[in-house]
């Protein structure tokens, strides 16, 4: 449980998409220059710190754009909470030492692009 804020309040989870090239190596600076994930089709979501369970974030639209980027642009995604630093809220995840069912997971499903279209 969180020791900060109200665990019953919802917390916004927002994606950040790096927009710099590999010439910028400072992670903090990369995130400062990142674009909102909504520009790449990654929706934000509201989470309750007191809740648990599976949450899905669809990054398909973002992943499809990666093949069009120059090779020196990183393919990455970061997440931040809404009003970070301005409100006492946090989201916690189980560690890699927790039971397998509790650990954060990344599921990737590959769907080949279909060229089928109705006339």
C-alpha atoms as a PDB file:
ATOM      1  CA  UNK A   1       0.000   0.000   0.000  1.00  0.00           C
ATOM      2  CA  UNK A   2       1.086   3.514  -0.683  1.00  0.00           C
ATOM      3  CA  UNK A   3       2.095   5.741   2.200  1.00  0.00           C
ATOM      4  CA  UNK A   4       1.437   8.842   0.116  1.00  0.00           C
ATOM      5  CA  UNK A   5      -1.853  10.329  -1.001  1.00  0.00           C
ATOM      6  CA  UNK A   6      -5.236   8.689  -0.928  1.00  0.00           C
ATOM      7  CA  UNK A   7      -5.165   5.111  -2.230  1.00  0.00           C
ATOM      8  CA  UNK A   8      -8.810   5.515  -3.343  1.00  0.00           C
ATOM      9  CA  UNK A   9      -8.035   8.449  -5.677  1.00  0.00           C
ATOM     10  CA  UNK A  10      -7.473   7.661  -9.332  1.00  0.00           C
ATOM     11  CA  UNK A  11      -4.069   8.347 -10.875  1.00  0.00           C
ATOM     12  CA  UNK A  12      -3.612   9.053 -14.571  1.00  0.00           C
ATOM     13  CA  UNK A  13      -1.007   6.972 -16.386  1.00  0.00           C
ATOM     14  CA  UNK A  14       0.383   8.717 -19.469  1.00  0.00           C
ATOM     15  CA  UNK A  15       2.788   7.476 -22.116  1.00  0.00           C
ATOM     16  CA  UNK A  16       5.824   9.456 -23.267  1.00  0.00           C
ATOM     17  CA  UNK A  17       7.415   8.814 -26.646  1.00  0.00           C
ATOM     18  CA  UNK A  18      11.055   9.872 -27.175  1.00  0.00           C
ATOM     19  CA  UNK A  19      11.478  12.367 -30.007  1.00  0.00           C
ATOM     20  CA  UNK A  20      15.239  12.853 -29.838  1.00  0.00           C
ATOM     21  CA  UNK A  21      17.994  11.056 -31.696  1.00  0.00           C
ATOM     22  CA  UNK A  22      20.658   8.817 -30.213  1.00  0.00           C
ATOM     23  CA  UNK A  23      22.877  11.915 -29.840  1.00  0.00           C
ATOM     24  CA  UNK A  24      20.963  12.753 -26.648  1.00  0.00           C
ATOM     25  CA  UNK A  25      22.054  10.226 -24.030  1.00  0.00           C
ATOM     26  CA  UNK A  26      20.796  11.763 -20.760  1.00  0.00           C
ATOM     27  CA  UNK A  27      17.588   9.889 -19.884  1.00  0.00           C
ATOM     28  CA  UNK A  28      16.082  12.846 -17.979  1.00  0.00           C
ATOM     29  CA  UNK A  29      16.643  15.128 -20.990  1.00  0.00           C
ATOM     30  CA  UNK A  30      15.177  12.522 -23.361  1.00  0.00           C
ATOM     31  CA  UNK A  31      12.011  12.385 -21.252  1.00  0.00           C
ATOM     32  CA  UNK A  32      11.856  16.190 -21.006  1.00  0.00           C
ATOM     33  CA  UNK A  33      11.827  16.312 -24.821  1.00  0.00           C
ATOM     34  CA  UNK A  34       9.393  13.416 -25.259  1.00  0.00           C
ATOM     35  CA  UNK A  35       6.009  13.777 -26.916  1.00  0.00           C
ATOM     36  CA  UNK A  36       2.725  12.752 -25.352  1.00  0.00           C
ATOM     37  CA  UNK A  37       1.835   9.188 -26.256  1.00  0.00           C
ATOM     38  CA  UNK A  38      -1.585  10.324 -27.449  1.00  0.00           C
ATOM     39  CA  UNK A  39       0.117  11.741 -30.555  1.00  0.00           C
ATOM     40  CA  UNK A  40       1.221   8.184 -31.412  1.00  0.00           C
ATOM     41  CA  UNK A  41      -2.107   6.547 -30.616  1.00  0.00           C
ATOM     42  CA  UNK A  42      -1.248   5.400 -27.071  1.00  0.00           C
ATOM     43  CA  UNK A  43      -4.181   6.249 -24.836  1.00  0.00           C
ATOM     44  CA  UNK A  44      -3.847   7.361 -21.236  1.00  0.00           C
ATOM     45  CA  UNK A  45      -5.651   5.449 -18.526  1.00  0.00           C
ATOM     46  CA  UNK A  46      -6.815   6.015 -14.962  1.00  0.00           C
ATOM     47  CA  UNK A  47      -5.665   3.583 -12.275  1.00  0.00           C
ATOM     48  CA  UNK A  48      -6.492   3.207  -8.597  1.00  0.00           C
ATOM     49  CA  UNK A  49      -3.432   2.761  -6.362  1.00  0.00           C
ATOM     50  CA  UNK A  50      -5.500   0.491  -4.098  1.00  0.00           C
ATOM     51  CA  UNK A  51      -6.543  -1.777  -6.978  1.00  0.00           C
ATOM     52  CA  UNK A  52      -4.606  -4.598  -8.527  1.00  0.00           C
ATOM     53  CA  UNK A  53      -4.930  -6.788 -11.561  1.00  0.00           C
ATOM     54  CA  UNK A  54      -4.128  -6.806 -15.239  1.00  0.00           C
ATOM     55  CA  UNK A  55      -4.058  -3.501 -17.083  1.00  0.00           C
ATOM     56  CA  UNK A  56      -3.544  -3.324 -20.834  1.00  0.00           C
ATOM     57  CA  UNK A  57      -1.996  -0.472 -22.800  1.00  0.00           C
ATOM     58  CA  UNK A  58      -2.310  -0.828 -26.563  1.00  0.00           C
ATOM     59  CA  UNK A  59       0.839   0.349 -28.360  1.00  0.00           C
ATOM     60  CA  UNK A  60       0.021  -1.058 -31.801  1.00  0.00           C
ATOM     61  CA  UNK A  61      -0.234   2.330 -33.525  1.00  0.00           C
ATOM     62  CA  UNK A  62       3.097   3.384 -32.006  1.00  0.00           C
ATOM     63  CA  UNK A  63       4.867   0.160 -32.969  1.00  0.00           C
ATOM     64  CA  UNK A  64       3.677   0.517 -36.556  1.00  0.00           C
ATOM     65  CA  UNK A  65       5.349   3.923 -36.820  1.00  0.00           C
ATOM     66  CA  UNK A  66       8.728   2.606 -35.668  1.00  0.00           C
ATOM     67  CA  UNK A  67       9.576   1.068 -39.032  1.00  0.00           C
ATOM     68  CA  UNK A  68       9.309   4.519 -40.652  1.00  0.00           C
ATOM     69  CA  UNK A  69      11.727   6.252 -38.257  1.00  0.00           C
ATOM     70  CA  UNK A  70      15.371   6.986 -39.046  1.00  0.00           C
ATOM     71  CA  UNK A  71      17.767   4.500 -37.437  1.00  0.00           C
ATOM     72  CA  UNK A  72      19.092   7.089 -34.952  1.00  0.00           C
ATOM     73  CA  UNK A  73      15.658   7.663 -33.367  1.00  0.00           C
ATOM     74  CA  UNK A  74      15.034   5.374 -30.382  1.00  0.00           C
ATOM     75  CA  UNK A  75      12.077   3.011 -30.338  1.00  0.00           C
ATOM     76  CA  UNK A  76      10.851   3.353 -26.767  1.00  0.00           C
ATOM     77  CA  UNK A  77       7.968   4.217 -24.495  1.00  0.00           C
ATOM     78  CA  UNK A  78       7.981   5.543 -20.935  1.00  0.00           C
ATOM     79  CA  UNK A  79       5.113   6.091 -18.528  1.00  0.00           C
ATOM     80  CA  UNK A  80       4.490   8.879 -16.033  1.00  0.00           C
ATOM     81  CA  UNK A  81       1.657   9.578 -13.653  1.00  0.00           C
ATOM     82  CA  UNK A  82      -0.546  12.644 -13.984  1.00  0.00           C
ATOM     83  CA  UNK A  83       0.544  15.706 -12.022  1.00  0.00           C
ATOM     84  CA  UNK A  84       3.815  13.970 -11.186  1.00  0.00           C
ATOM     85  CA  UNK A  85       5.601  15.925  -8.486  1.00  0.00           C
ATOM     86  CA  UNK A  86       2.552  18.106  -7.812  1.00  0.00           C
ATOM     87  CA  UNK A  87       0.376  15.595  -5.987  1.00  0.00           C
ATOM     88  CA  UNK A  88       1.260  12.871  -3.491  1.00  0.00           C
ATOM     89  CA  UNK A  89       0.268   9.884  -5.619  1.00  0.00           C
ATOM     90  CA  UNK A  90       2.123   6.808  -6.711  1.00  0.00           C
ATOM     91  CA  UNK A  91       1.571   3.497  -8.421  1.00  0.00           C
ATOM     92  CA  UNK A  92       3.507   0.477  -7.241  1.00  0.00           C
ATOM     93  CA  UNK A  93       4.338  -2.705  -9.086  1.00  0.00           C
ATOM     94  CA  UNK A  94       5.399  -6.055  -7.691  1.00  0.00           C
ATOM     95  CA  UNK A  95       9.102  -6.791  -8.031  1.00  0.00           C
ATOM     96  CA  UNK A  96      10.676  -9.429 -10.232  1.00  0.00           C
ATOM     97  CA  UNK A  97      10.986 -11.573  -7.085  1.00  0.00           C
ATOM     98  CA  UNK A  98       7.213 -11.739  -6.530  1.00  0.00           C
ATOM     99  CA  UNK A  99       5.126 -14.708  -7.581  1.00  0.00           C
ATOM    100  CA  UNK A 100       4.990 -15.058 -11.377  1.00  0.00           C
ATOM    101  CA  UNK A 101       1.297 -14.125 -11.508  1.00  0.00           C
ATOM    102  CA  UNK A 102       1.981 -10.800  -9.749  1.00  0.00           C
ATOM    103  CA  UNK A 103       5.037  -9.581 -11.676  1.00  0.00           C
ATOM    104  CA  UNK A 104       4.644  -6.949 -14.395  1.00  0.00           C
ATOM    105  CA  UNK A 105       4.529  -8.567 -17.831  1.00  0.00           C
ATOM    106  CA  UNK A 106       4.800  -7.376 -21.371  1.00  0.00           C
ATOM    107  CA  UNK A 107       2.706  -9.323 -23.831  1.00  0.00           C
ATOM    108  CA  UNK A 108       3.436  -8.835 -27.493  1.00  0.00           C
ATOM    109  CA  UNK A 109       1.012 -10.170 -30.053  1.00  0.00           C
ATOM    110  CA  UNK A 110       2.106 -10.108 -33.674  1.00  0.00           C
ATOM    111  CA  UNK A 111      -0.623  -9.737 -36.261  1.00  0.00           C
ATOM    112  CA  UNK A 112       0.592  -9.632 -39.858  1.00  0.00           C
ATOM    113  CA  UNK A 113      -0.790  -6.751 -41.846  1.00  0.00           C
ATOM    114  CA  UNK A 114      -3.727  -7.831 -43.947  1.00  0.00           C
ATOM    115  CA  UNK A 115      -3.913  -6.642 -47.536  1.00  0.00           C
ATOM    116  CA  UNK A 116      -7.494  -7.851 -47.812  1.00  0.00           C
ATOM    117  CA  UNK A 117     -10.052  -5.131 -48.503  1.00  0.00           C
ATOM    118  CA  UNK A 118     -13.666  -5.144 -49.570  1.00  0.00           C
ATOM    119  CA  UNK A 119     -14.476  -3.380 -52.843  1.00  0.00           C
END
